[in-house]
Amino acid sequence: MDASDKIRRILKEHGRLSQDAQTLPLNADLYEAGMTSHASVNVMLALEGEFDLEFPDHMLKRSVFESISSISAAIGELQAAA
């Protein structure tokens, strides 16, 4: 299972999306797909647990969590720095 598959699973479980996370394009706006700010916090916490990392304060912004590709890029950046 690659990172985007894990992200999609977490979005399905925690994102409260009105669309199926499995069929969303990688660059689809997750907020337009129904994710609320509250749900994005739950997604972030689940991502931290799944990938064993912590999002630093400078990454705690809407743009980091607005799409599967932006989440994947942030995770890749954090894993490369570890």
C-alpha atoms as a PDB file:
ATOM      1  CA  MET A   1       0.000   0.000   0.000  1.00  0.00           C
ATOM      2  CA  ASP A   2       1.572   3.302  -1.042  1.00  0.00           C
ATOM      3  CA  ALA A   3       1.226   6.664   0.706  1.00  0.00           C
ATOM      4  CA  SER A   4      -1.713   7.869  -1.389  1.00  0.00           C
ATOM      5  CA  ASP A   5      -3.632   4.655  -0.618  1.00  0.00           C
ATOM      6  CA  LYS A   6      -3.033   5.191   3.107  1.00  0.00           C
ATOM      7  CA  ILE A   7      -4.087   8.842   2.805  1.00  0.00           C
ATOM      8  CA  ARG A   8      -7.274   7.846   0.967  1.00  0.00           C
ATOM      9  CA  ARG A   9      -8.092   5.275   3.680  1.00  0.00           C
ATOM     10  CA  ILE A  10      -7.597   7.874   6.410  1.00  0.00           C
ATOM     11  CA  LEU A  11      -9.721  10.391   4.507  1.00  0.00           C
ATOM     12  CA  LYS A  12     -12.459   7.794   4.157  1.00  0.00           C
ATOM     13  CA  GLU A  13     -12.363   7.071   7.902  1.00  0.00           C
ATOM     14  CA  HIS A  14     -11.859  10.609   9.269  1.00  0.00           C
ATOM     15  CA  GLY A  15     -12.459  13.180   6.522  1.00  0.00           C
ATOM     16  CA  ARG A  16     -16.272  13.167   6.523  1.00  0.00           C
ATOM     17  CA  LEU A  17     -16.183  13.673   2.766  1.00  0.00           C
ATOM     18  CA  SER A  18     -19.359  13.807   0.726  1.00  0.00           C
ATOM     19  CA  GLN A  19     -17.509  11.977  -2.069  1.00  0.00           C
ATOM     20  CA  ASP A  20     -15.662   8.660  -2.055  1.00  0.00           C
ATOM     21  CA  ALA A  21     -12.020   9.270  -1.144  1.00  0.00           C
ATOM     22  CA  GLN A  22     -11.029   6.288  -3.302  1.00  0.00           C
ATOM     23  CA  THR A  23     -12.266   7.960  -6.500  1.00  0.00           C
ATOM     24  CA  LEU A  24     -11.174  11.555  -5.872  1.00  0.00           C
ATOM     25  CA  PRO A  25      -8.447  12.891  -8.159  1.00  0.00           C
ATOM     26  CA  LEU A  26      -5.140  13.483  -6.367  1.00  0.00           C
ATOM     27  CA  ASN A  27      -5.501  17.248  -6.766  1.00  0.00           C
ATOM     28  CA  ALA A  28      -9.211  17.506  -5.839  1.00  0.00           C
ATOM     29  CA  ASP A  29      -9.987  20.115  -3.165  1.00  0.00           C
ATOM     30  CA  LEU A  30     -10.873  18.094  -0.062  1.00  0.00           C
ATOM     31  CA  TYR A  31     -12.695  21.036   1.506  1.00  0.00           C
ATOM     32  CA  GLU A  32     -14.923  21.311  -1.571  1.00  0.00           C
ATOM     33  CA  ALA A  33     -15.461  17.546  -1.225  1.00  0.00           C
ATOM     34  CA  GLY A  34     -16.957  18.125   2.219  1.00  0.00           C
ATOM     35  CA  MET A  35     -14.055  18.062   4.694  1.00  0.00           C
ATOM     36  CA  THR A  36     -14.495  20.549   7.531  1.00  0.00           C
ATOM     37  CA  SER A  37     -11.754  22.205   9.563  1.00  0.00           C
ATOM     38  CA  HIS A  38     -12.641  19.926  12.478  1.00  0.00           C
ATOM     39  CA  ALA A  39     -12.404  16.834  10.265  1.00  0.00           C
ATOM     40  CA  SER A  40      -9.036  18.021   8.933  1.00  0.00           C
ATOM     41  CA  VAL A  41      -7.659  17.948  12.498  1.00  0.00           C
ATOM     42  CA  ASN A  42      -8.827  14.339  12.861  1.00  0.00           C
ATOM     43  CA  VAL A  43      -7.232  13.523   9.482  1.00  0.00           C
ATOM     44  CA  MET A  44      -3.980  15.165  10.584  1.00  0.00           C
ATOM     45  CA  LEU A  45      -3.893  13.170  13.827  1.00  0.00           C
ATOM     46  CA  ALA A  46      -4.592   9.919  11.968  1.00  0.00           C
ATOM     47  CA  LEU A  47      -1.852  10.725   9.436  1.00  0.00           C
ATOM     48  CA  GLU A  48       0.625  11.378  12.251  1.00  0.00           C
ATOM     49  CA  GLY A  49      -0.197   7.982  13.741  1.00  0.00           C
ATOM     50  CA  GLU A  50      -0.135   6.121  10.425  1.00  0.00           C
ATOM     51  CA  PHE A  51       3.155   7.599   9.198  1.00  0.00           C
ATOM     52  CA  ASP A  52       4.807   8.000  12.640  1.00  0.00           C
ATOM     53  CA  LEU A  53       5.533  11.700  12.202  1.00  0.00           C
ATOM     54  CA  GLU A  54       4.430  15.062  13.538  1.00  0.00           C
ATOM     55  CA  PHE A  55       3.328  18.000  11.438  1.00  0.00           C
ATOM     56  CA  PRO A  56       5.285  21.087  12.573  1.00  0.00           C
ATOM     57  CA  ASP A  57       3.446  24.343  13.238  1.00  0.00           C
ATOM     58  CA  HIS A  58       4.395  25.838   9.868  1.00  0.00           C
ATOM     59  CA  MET A  59       2.538  22.993   8.114  1.00  0.00           C
ATOM     60  CA  LEU A  60      -0.681  23.397  10.092  1.00  0.00           C
ATOM     61  CA  LYS A  61      -2.493  25.323   7.397  1.00  0.00           C
ATOM     62  CA  ARG A  62      -5.317  24.670   5.000  1.00  0.00           C
ATOM     63  CA  SER A  63      -3.099  24.431   1.906  1.00  0.00           C
ATOM     64  CA  VAL A  64      -1.218  21.406   3.308  1.00  0.00           C
ATOM     65  CA  PHE A  65      -4.434  19.439   3.800  1.00  0.00           C
ATOM     66  CA  GLU A  66      -6.422  20.641   0.773  1.00  0.00           C
ATOM     67  CA  SER A  67      -5.677  17.671  -1.508  1.00  0.00           C
ATOM     68  CA  ILE A  68      -4.297  14.162  -1.491  1.00  0.00           C
ATOM     69  CA  SER A  69      -1.275  15.355  -3.473  1.00  0.00           C
ATOM     70  CA  SER A  70      -0.520  18.225  -1.044  1.00  0.00           C
ATOM     71  CA  ILE A  71      -0.805  15.864   1.947  1.00  0.00           C
ATOM     72  CA  SER A  72       1.451  13.343   0.198  1.00  0.00           C
ATOM     73  CA  ALA A  73       4.030  16.050  -0.583  1.00  0.00           C
ATOM     74  CA  ALA A  74       4.048  17.222   3.046  1.00  0.00           C
ATOM     75  CA  ILE A  75       4.503  13.666   4.322  1.00  0.00           C
ATOM     76  CA  GLY A  76       7.317  13.082   1.819  1.00  0.00           C
ATOM     77  CA  GLU A  77       9.030  16.265   2.971  1.00  0.00           C
ATOM     78  CA  LEU A  78       8.782  15.239   6.635  1.00  0.00           C
ATOM     79  CA  GLN A  79      10.022  11.702   5.951  1.00  0.00           C
ATOM     80  CA  ALA A  80      12.985  13.023   3.948  1.00  0.00           C
ATOM     81  CA  ALA A  81      13.949  15.336   6.816  1.00  0.00           C
ATOM     82  CA  ALA A  82      13.753  12.572   9.432  1.00  0.00           C
END
